Amino acid sequence: STRPLSATGIAVLGRLRREGPTTLQSLAAAE
């Protein structure tokens, strides 16, 4: 609750943690 993010924002962080650095375009497609 200190810095609330959208569900998609949290999902993006999780995806970057699991899959490593990636392009903005592939993040958009994945989400």
Full PDB file with SEQRES, HELIX, SHEET, SSBOND, CRYST1, ORIGX, SCALE, CONECT and MASTER records, all heavy atoms in Angstrom:
SEQRES   1 A   31  SER THR ARG PRO LEU SER ALA THR GLY ILE ALA VAL LEU          
SEQRES   2 A   31  GLY ARG LEU ARG ARG GLU GLY PRO THR THR LEU GLN SER          
SEQRES   3 A   31  LEU ALA ALA ALA GLU                                          
HELIX    1 AA1 ALA A    7  GLU A   19  1                                  13    
HELIX    2 AA2 LEU A   24  ALA A   30  1                                   7    
CRYST1    1.000    1.000    1.000  90.00  90.00  90.00 P 1           1          
ORIGX1      1.000000  0.000000  0.000000        0.00000                         
ORIGX2      0.000000  1.000000  0.000000        0.00000                         
ORIGX3      0.000000  0.000000  1.000000        0.00000                         
SCALE1      1.000000  0.000000  0.000000        0.00000                         
SCALE2      0.000000  1.000000  0.000000        0.00000                         
SCALE3      0.000000  0.000000  1.000000        0.00000                         
ATOM      1  N   SER A   1       0.807  -1.226   0.000  1.00  0.00           N  
ATOM      2  CA  SER A   1       0.000   0.000   0.000  1.00  0.00           C  
ATOM      3  C   SER A   1       0.840   1.276   0.000  1.00  0.00           C  
ATOM      4  O   SER A   1       0.294   2.357  -0.139  1.00  0.00           O  
ATOM      5  CB  SER A   1      -0.938  -0.010   1.209  1.00  0.00           C  
ATOM      6  OG  SER A   1      -0.181  -0.180   2.386  1.00  0.00           O  
ATOM      7  N   THR A   2       2.157   1.159   0.165  1.00  0.00           N  
ATOM      8  CA  THR A   2       2.962   2.369   0.218  1.00  0.00           C  
ATOM      9  C   THR A   2       3.024   3.063  -1.140  1.00  0.00           C  
ATOM     10  O   THR A   2       2.944   4.272  -1.214  1.00  0.00           O  
ATOM     11  CB  THR A   2       4.398   2.061   0.697  1.00  0.00           C  
ATOM     12  OG1 THR A   2       4.948   1.046  -0.131  1.00  0.00           O  
ATOM     13  CG2 THR A   2       4.404   1.613   2.142  1.00  0.00           C  
ATOM     14  N   ARG A   3       3.159   2.291  -2.211  1.00  0.00           N  
ATOM     15  CA  ARG A   3       3.173   2.852  -3.567  1.00  0.00           C  
ATOM     16  C   ARG A   3       2.296   1.957  -4.424  1.00  0.00           C  
ATOM     17  O   ARG A   3       2.798   1.063  -5.108  1.00  0.00           O  
ATOM     18  CB  ARG A   3       4.589   2.904  -4.128  1.00  0.00           C  
ATOM     19  CG  ARG A   3       5.473   3.907  -3.413  1.00  0.00           C  
ATOM     20  CD  ARG A   3       6.838   3.918  -3.999  1.00  0.00           C  
ATOM     21  NE  ARG A   3       7.548   2.698  -3.603  1.00  0.00           N  
ATOM     22  CZ  ARG A   3       8.805   2.454  -3.878  1.00  0.00           C  
ATOM     23  NH1 ARG A   3       9.513   3.314  -4.560  1.00  0.00           N  
ATOM     24  NH2 ARG A   3       9.387   1.337  -3.494  1.00  0.00           N  
ATOM     25  N   PRO A   4       0.979   2.181  -4.386  1.00  0.00           N  
ATOM     26  CA  PRO A   4       0.086   1.259  -5.078  1.00  0.00           C  
ATOM     27  C   PRO A   4       0.305   1.255  -6.595  1.00  0.00           C  
ATOM     28  O   PRO A   4       0.529   2.290  -7.195  1.00  0.00           O  
ATOM     29  CB  PRO A   4      -1.310   1.758  -4.723  1.00  0.00           C  
ATOM     30  CG  PRO A   4      -1.135   3.169  -4.281  1.00  0.00           C  
ATOM     31  CD  PRO A   4       0.265   3.279  -3.749  1.00  0.00           C  
ATOM     32  N   LEU A   5       0.271   0.078  -7.160  1.00  0.00           N  
ATOM     33  CA  LEU A   5       0.380  -0.108  -8.605  1.00  0.00           C  
ATOM     34  C   LEU A   5      -0.864  -0.816  -9.100  1.00  0.00           C  
ATOM     35  O   LEU A   5      -1.531  -1.520  -8.341  1.00  0.00           O  
ATOM     36  CB  LEU A   5       1.596  -0.984  -8.943  1.00  0.00           C  
ATOM     37  CG  LEU A   5       2.978  -0.435  -8.639  1.00  0.00           C  
ATOM     38  CD1 LEU A   5       4.025  -1.462  -9.048  1.00  0.00           C  
ATOM     39  CD2 LEU A   5       3.207   0.873  -9.361  1.00  0.00           C  
ATOM     40  N   SER A   6      -1.123  -0.677 -10.381  1.00  0.00           N  
ATOM     41  CA  SER A   6      -2.204  -1.434 -10.994  1.00  0.00           C  
ATOM     42  C   SER A   6      -1.837  -2.914 -11.020  1.00  0.00           C  
ATOM     43  O   SER A   6      -0.666  -3.285 -10.898  1.00  0.00           O  
ATOM     44  CB  SER A   6      -2.438  -0.941 -12.426  1.00  0.00           C  
ATOM     45  OG  SER A   6      -1.323  -1.297 -13.238  1.00  0.00           O  
ATOM     46  N   ALA A   7      -2.850  -3.735 -11.198  1.00  0.00           N  
ATOM     47  CA  ALA A   7      -2.596  -5.179 -11.317  1.00  0.00           C  
ATOM     48  C   ALA A   7      -1.654  -5.450 -12.482  1.00  0.00           C  
ATOM     49  O   ALA A   7      -0.773  -6.306 -12.388  1.00  0.00           O  
ATOM     50  CB  ALA A   7      -3.922  -5.928 -11.494  1.00  0.00           C  
ATOM     51  N   THR A   8      -1.808  -4.704 -13.575  1.00  0.00           N  
ATOM     52  CA  THR A   8      -0.925  -4.901 -14.732  1.00  0.00           C  
ATOM     53  C   THR A   8       0.498  -4.474 -14.400  1.00  0.00           C  
ATOM     54  O   THR A   8       1.460  -5.134 -14.794  1.00  0.00           O  
ATOM     55  CB  THR A   8      -1.450  -4.141 -15.963  1.00  0.00           C  
ATOM     56  OG1 THR A   8      -2.800  -4.532 -16.205  1.00  0.00           O  
ATOM     57  CG2 THR A   8      -0.618  -4.441 -17.204  1.00  0.00           C  
ATOM     58  N   GLY A   9       0.646  -3.390 -13.650  1.00  0.00           N  
ATOM     59  CA  GLY A   9       1.985  -2.957 -13.244  1.00  0.00           C  
ATOM     60  C   GLY A   9       2.692  -4.027 -12.431  1.00  0.00           C  
ATOM     61  O   GLY A   9       3.870  -4.329 -12.654  1.00  0.00           O  
ATOM     62  N   ILE A  10       1.968  -4.626 -11.488  1.00  0.00           N  
ATOM     63  CA  ILE A  10       2.551  -5.698 -10.676  1.00  0.00           C  
ATOM     64  C   ILE A  10       2.847  -6.909 -11.557  1.00  0.00           C  
ATOM     65  O   ILE A  10       3.897  -7.547 -11.416  1.00  0.00           O  
ATOM     66  CB  ILE A  10       1.617  -6.051  -9.501  1.00  0.00           C  
ATOM     67  CG1 ILE A  10       1.594  -4.880  -8.512  1.00  0.00           C  
ATOM     68  CG2 ILE A  10       2.079  -7.328  -8.801  1.00  0.00           C  
ATOM     69  CD1 ILE A  10       0.586  -5.020  -7.399  1.00  0.00           C  
ATOM     70  N   ALA A  11       1.946  -7.214 -12.491  1.00  0.00           N  
ATOM     71  CA  ALA A  11       2.173  -8.344 -13.399  1.00  0.00           C  
ATOM     72  C   ALA A  11       3.426  -8.124 -14.246  1.00  0.00           C  
ATOM     73  O   ALA A  11       4.190  -9.063 -14.491  1.00  0.00           O  
ATOM     74  CB  ALA A  11       0.945  -8.562 -14.293  1.00  0.00           C  
ATOM     75  N   VAL A  12       3.658  -6.892 -14.682  1.00  0.00           N  
ATOM     76  CA  VAL A  12       4.854  -6.570 -15.472  1.00  0.00           C  
ATOM     77  C   VAL A  12       6.113  -6.803 -14.637  1.00  0.00           C  
ATOM     78  O   VAL A  12       7.079  -7.418 -15.116  1.00  0.00           O  
ATOM     79  CB  VAL A  12       4.802  -5.121 -16.001  1.00  0.00           C  
ATOM     80  CG1 VAL A  12       6.160  -4.662 -16.508  1.00  0.00           C  
ATOM     81  CG2 VAL A  12       3.756  -5.001 -17.100  1.00  0.00           C  
ATOM     82  N   LEU A  13       6.098  -6.348 -13.390  1.00  0.00           N  
ATOM     83  CA  LEU A  13       7.258  -6.580 -12.522  1.00  0.00           C  
ATOM     84  C   LEU A  13       7.510  -8.079 -12.351  1.00  0.00           C  
ATOM     85  O   LEU A  13       8.652  -8.534 -12.437  1.00  0.00           O  
ATOM     86  CB  LEU A  13       7.044  -5.925 -11.149  1.00  0.00           C  
ATOM     87  CG  LEU A  13       6.981  -4.403 -11.119  1.00  0.00           C  
ATOM     88  CD1 LEU A  13       6.710  -3.921  -9.692  1.00  0.00           C  
ATOM     89  CD2 LEU A  13       8.240  -3.774 -11.674  1.00  0.00           C  
ATOM     90  N   GLY A  14       6.448  -8.836 -12.142  1.00  0.00           N  
ATOM     91  CA  GLY A  14       6.585 -10.288 -11.990  1.00  0.00           C  
ATOM     92  C   GLY A  14       7.124 -10.944 -13.245  1.00  0.00           C  
ATOM     93  O   GLY A  14       7.977 -11.838 -13.179  1.00  0.00           O  
ATOM     94  N   ARG A  15       6.655 -10.497 -14.395  1.00  0.00           N  
ATOM     95  CA  ARG A  15       7.131 -11.058 -15.663  1.00  0.00           C  
ATOM     96  C   ARG A  15       8.615 -10.740 -15.863  1.00  0.00           C  
ATOM     97  O   ARG A  15       9.384 -11.608 -16.289  1.00  0.00           O  
ATOM     98  CB  ARG A  15       6.302 -10.509 -16.826  1.00  0.00           C  
ATOM     99  CG  ARG A  15       6.644 -11.122 -18.169  1.00  0.00           C  
ATOM    100  CD  ARG A  15       5.654 -10.722 -19.234  1.00  0.00           C  
ATOM    101  NE  ARG A  15       4.300 -11.178 -18.953  1.00  0.00           N  
ATOM    102  CZ  ARG A  15       3.865 -12.423 -19.160  1.00  0.00           C  
ATOM    103  NH1 ARG A  15       4.670 -13.331 -19.649  1.00  0.00           N  
ATOM    104  NH2 ARG A  15       2.620 -12.741 -18.878  1.00  0.00           N  
ATOM    105  N   LEU A  16       9.026  -9.516 -15.546  1.00  0.00           N  
ATOM    106  CA  LEU A  16      10.438  -9.152 -15.673  1.00  0.00           C  
ATOM    107  C   LEU A  16      11.293  -9.978 -14.714  1.00  0.00           C  
ATOM    108  O   LEU A  16      12.408 -10.372 -15.061  1.00  0.00           O  
ATOM    109  CB  LEU A  16      10.630  -7.659 -15.416  1.00  0.00           C  
ATOM    110  CG  LEU A  16      10.082  -6.732 -16.498  1.00  0.00           C  
ATOM    111  CD1 LEU A  16      10.125  -5.285 -16.025  1.00  0.00           C  
ATOM    112  CD2 LEU A  16      10.842  -6.900 -17.806  1.00  0.00           C  
ATOM    113  N   ARG A  17      10.762 -10.266 -13.527  1.00  0.00           N  
ATOM    114  CA  ARG A  17      11.513 -11.091 -12.579  1.00  0.00           C  
ATOM    115  C   ARG A  17      11.684 -12.507 -13.119  1.00  0.00           C  
ATOM    116  O   ARG A  17      12.756 -13.088 -13.052  1.00  0.00           O  
ATOM    117  CB  ARG A  17      10.812 -11.144 -11.222  1.00  0.00           C  
ATOM    118  CG  ARG A  17      11.555 -12.080 -10.240  1.00  0.00           C  
ATOM    119  CD  ARG A  17      10.708 -12.438  -9.052  1.00  0.00           C  
ATOM    120  NE  ARG A  17      10.948 -11.490  -7.971  1.00  0.00           N  
ATOM    121  CZ  ARG A  17      10.198 -11.437  -6.885  1.00  0.00           C  
ATOM    122  NH1 ARG A  17       9.169 -12.244  -6.744  1.00  0.00           N  
ATOM    123  NH2 ARG A  17      10.473 -10.592  -5.922  1.00  0.00           N  
ATOM    124  N   ARG A  18      10.613 -13.071 -13.665  1.00  0.00           N  
ATOM    125  CA  ARG A  18      10.651 -14.455 -14.168  1.00  0.00           C  
ATOM    126  C   ARG A  18      11.437 -14.592 -15.462  1.00  0.00           C  
ATOM    127  O   ARG A  18      12.180 -15.556 -15.634  1.00  0.00           O  
ATOM    128  CB  ARG A  18       9.223 -14.971 -14.418  1.00  0.00           C  
ATOM    129  CG  ARG A  18       8.435 -15.306 -13.186  1.00  0.00           C  
ATOM    130  CD  ARG A  18       7.114 -15.979 -13.537  1.00  0.00           C  
ATOM    131  NE  ARG A  18       6.344 -15.298 -14.560  1.00  0.00           N  
ATOM    132  CZ  ARG A  18       5.527 -14.265 -14.340  1.00  0.00           C  
ATOM    133  NH1 ARG A  18       5.379 -13.789 -13.126  1.00  0.00           N  
ATOM    134  NH2 ARG A  18       4.862 -13.710 -15.317  1.00  0.00           N  
ATOM    135  N   GLU A  19      11.259 -13.640 -16.381  1.00  0.00           N  
ATOM    136  CA  GLU A  19      11.762 -13.810 -17.741  1.00  0.00           C  
ATOM    137  C   GLU A  19      12.956 -12.936 -18.080  1.00  0.00           C  
ATOM    138  O   GLU A  19      13.554 -13.100 -19.131  1.00  0.00           O  
ATOM    139  CB  GLU A  19      10.625 -13.570 -18.735  1.00  0.00           C  
ATOM    140  CG  GLU A  19       9.476 -14.550 -18.526  1.00  0.00           C  
ATOM    141  CD  GLU A  19       8.280 -14.287 -19.429  1.00  0.00           C  
ATOM    142  OE1 GLU A  19       8.393 -13.436 -20.344  1.00  0.00           O  
ATOM    143  OE2 GLU A  19       7.251 -14.921 -19.199  1.00  0.00           O  
ATOM    144  N   GLY A  20      13.278 -11.976 -17.208  1.00  0.00           N  
ATOM    145  CA  GLY A  20      14.410 -11.103 -17.476  1.00  0.00           C  
ATOM    146  C   GLY A  20      14.025  -9.919 -18.355  1.00  0.00           C  
ATOM    147  O   GLY A  20      12.862  -9.743 -18.726  1.00  0.00           O  
ATOM    148  N   PRO A  21      15.010  -9.083 -18.695  1.00  0.00           N  
ATOM    149  CA  PRO A  21      14.745  -7.887 -19.501  1.00  0.00           C  
ATOM    150  C   PRO A  21      14.082  -8.251 -20.833  1.00  0.00           C  
ATOM    151  O   PRO A  21      14.412  -9.276 -21.441  1.00  0.00           O  
ATOM    152  CB  PRO A  21      16.132  -7.297 -19.738  1.00  0.00           C  
ATOM    153  CG  PRO A  21      16.980  -7.857 -18.638  1.00  0.00           C  
ATOM    154  CD  PRO A  21      16.413  -9.216 -18.341  1.00  0.00           C  
ATOM    155  N   THR A  22      13.170  -7.406 -21.246  1.00  0.00           N  
ATOM    156  CA  THR A  22      12.463  -7.662 -22.501  1.00  0.00           C  
ATOM    157  C   THR A  22      11.981  -6.347 -23.100  1.00  0.00           C  
ATOM    158  O   THR A  22      12.050  -5.306 -22.454  1.00  0.00           O  
ATOM    159  CB  THR A  22      11.290  -8.642 -22.273  1.00  0.00           C  
ATOM    160  OG1 THR A  22      10.780  -9.056 -23.540  1.00  0.00           O  
ATOM    161  CG2 THR A  22      10.184  -8.018 -21.457  1.00  0.00           C  
ATOM    162  N   THR A  23      11.503  -6.413 -24.323  1.00  0.00           N  
ATOM    163  CA  THR A  23      11.046  -5.197 -24.988  1.00  0.00           C  
ATOM    164  C   THR A  23       9.670  -4.789 -24.492  1.00  0.00           C  
ATOM    165  O   THR A  23       8.884  -5.609 -24.020  1.00  0.00           O  
ATOM    166  CB  THR A  23      10.958  -5.388 -26.517  1.00  0.00           C  
ATOM    167  OG1 THR A  23       9.968  -6.371 -26.798  1.00  0.00           O  
ATOM    168  CG2 THR A  23      12.298  -5.791 -27.109  1.00  0.00           C  
ATOM    169  N   LEU A  24       9.419  -3.509 -24.622  1.00  0.00           N  
ATOM    170  CA  LEU A  24       8.115  -2.962 -24.275  1.00  0.00           C  
ATOM    171  C   LEU A  24       7.025  -3.634 -25.125  1.00  0.00           C  
ATOM    172  O   LEU A  24       5.958  -3.962 -24.611  1.00  0.00           O  
ATOM    173  CB  LEU A  24       8.157  -1.453 -24.523  1.00  0.00           C  
ATOM    174  CG  LEU A  24       7.045  -0.641 -23.924  1.00  0.00           C  
ATOM    175  CD1 LEU A  24       7.588   0.690 -23.444  1.00  0.00           C  
ATOM    176  CD2 LEU A  24       5.948  -0.435 -24.921  1.00  0.00           C  
ATOM    177  N   GLN A  25       7.322  -3.875 -26.388  1.00  0.00           N  
ATOM    178  CA  GLN A  25       6.336  -4.494 -27.276  1.00  0.00           C  
ATOM    179  C   GLN A  25       5.978  -5.908 -26.821  1.00  0.00           C  
ATOM    180  O   GLN A  25       4.811  -6.290 -26.843  1.00  0.00           O  
ATOM    181  CB  GLN A  25       6.864  -4.539 -28.722  1.00  0.00           C  
ATOM    182  CG  GLN A  25       6.988  -3.186 -29.384  1.00  0.00           C  
ATOM    183  CD  GLN A  25       8.278  -2.438 -29.016  1.00  0.00           C  
ATOM    184  OE1 GLN A  25       9.066  -2.874 -28.177  1.00  0.00           O  
ATOM    185  NE2 GLN A  25       8.472  -1.285 -29.648  1.00  0.00           N  
ATOM    186  N   SER A  26       6.974  -6.690 -26.400  1.00  0.00           N  
ATOM    187  CA  SER A  26       6.656  -8.050 -25.971  1.00  0.00           C  
ATOM    188  C   SER A  26       5.928  -8.043 -24.629  1.00  0.00           C  
ATOM    189  O   SER A  26       5.080  -8.901 -24.380  1.00  0.00           O  
ATOM    190  CB  SER A  26       7.899  -8.935 -25.943  1.00  0.00           C  
ATOM    191  OG  SER A  26       8.807  -8.477 -24.996  1.00  0.00           O  
ATOM    192  N   LEU A  27       6.211  -7.059 -23.773  1.00  0.00           N  
ATOM    193  CA  LEU A  27       5.447  -6.928 -22.530  1.00  0.00           C  
ATOM    194  C   LEU A  27       3.985  -6.616 -22.839  1.00  0.00           C  
ATOM    195  O   LEU A  27       3.085  -7.189 -22.221  1.00  0.00           O  
ATOM    196  CB  LEU A  27       6.033  -5.822 -21.646  1.00  0.00           C  
ATOM    197  CG  LEU A  27       7.319  -6.147 -20.905  1.00  0.00           C  
ATOM    198  CD1 LEU A  27       7.903  -4.885 -20.275  1.00  0.00           C  
ATOM    199  CD2 LEU A  27       7.091  -7.227 -19.866  1.00  0.00           C  
ATOM    200  N   ALA A  28       3.757  -5.714 -23.776  1.00  0.00           N  
ATOM    201  CA  ALA A  28       2.376  -5.370 -24.154  1.00  0.00           C  
ATOM    202  C   ALA A  28       1.644  -6.601 -24.669  1.00  0.00           C  
ATOM    203  O   ALA A  28       0.503  -6.861 -24.277  1.00  0.00           O  
ATOM    204  CB  ALA A  28       2.384  -4.255 -25.206  1.00  0.00           C  
ATOM    205  N   ALA A  29       2.295  -7.360 -25.532  1.00  0.00           N  
ATOM    206  CA  ALA A  29       1.656  -8.565 -26.084  1.00  0.00           C  
ATOM    207  C   ALA A  29       1.384  -9.586 -24.980  1.00  0.00           C  
ATOM    208  O   ALA A  29       0.288 -10.164 -24.916  1.00  0.00           O  
ATOM    209  CB  ALA A  29       2.544  -9.177 -27.167  1.00  0.00           C  
ATOM    210  N   ALA A  30       2.350  -9.793 -24.095  1.00  0.00           N  
ATOM    211  CA  ALA A  30       2.195 -10.793 -23.039  1.00  0.00           C  
ATOM    212  C   ALA A  30       1.090 -10.417 -22.063  1.00  0.00           C  
ATOM    213  O   ALA A  30       0.392 -11.287 -21.542  1.00  0.00           O  
ATOM    214  CB  ALA A  30       3.515 -10.970 -22.297  1.00  0.00           C  
ATOM    215  N   GLU A  31       0.914  -9.126 -21.805  1.00  0.00           N  
ATOM    216  CA  GLU A  31      -0.099  -8.669 -20.844  1.00  0.00           C  
ATOM    217  C   GLU A  31      -1.414  -8.275 -21.528  1.00  0.00           C  
ATOM    218  O   GLU A  31      -2.322  -7.779 -20.870  1.00  0.00           O  
ATOM    219  CB  GLU A  31       0.445  -7.494 -20.019  1.00  0.00           C  
ATOM    220  CG  GLU A  31       1.624  -7.875 -19.138  1.00  0.00           C  
ATOM    221  CD  GLU A  31       1.308  -8.962 -18.122  1.00  0.00           C  
ATOM    222  OE1 GLU A  31       0.163  -9.019 -17.632  1.00  0.00           O  
ATOM    223  OE2 GLU A  31       2.217  -9.768 -17.824  1.00  0.00           O  
TER     224      GLU A  31                                                      
MASTER        0    0    0    2    0    0    0    6  223    1    0    3          
END                                                                             
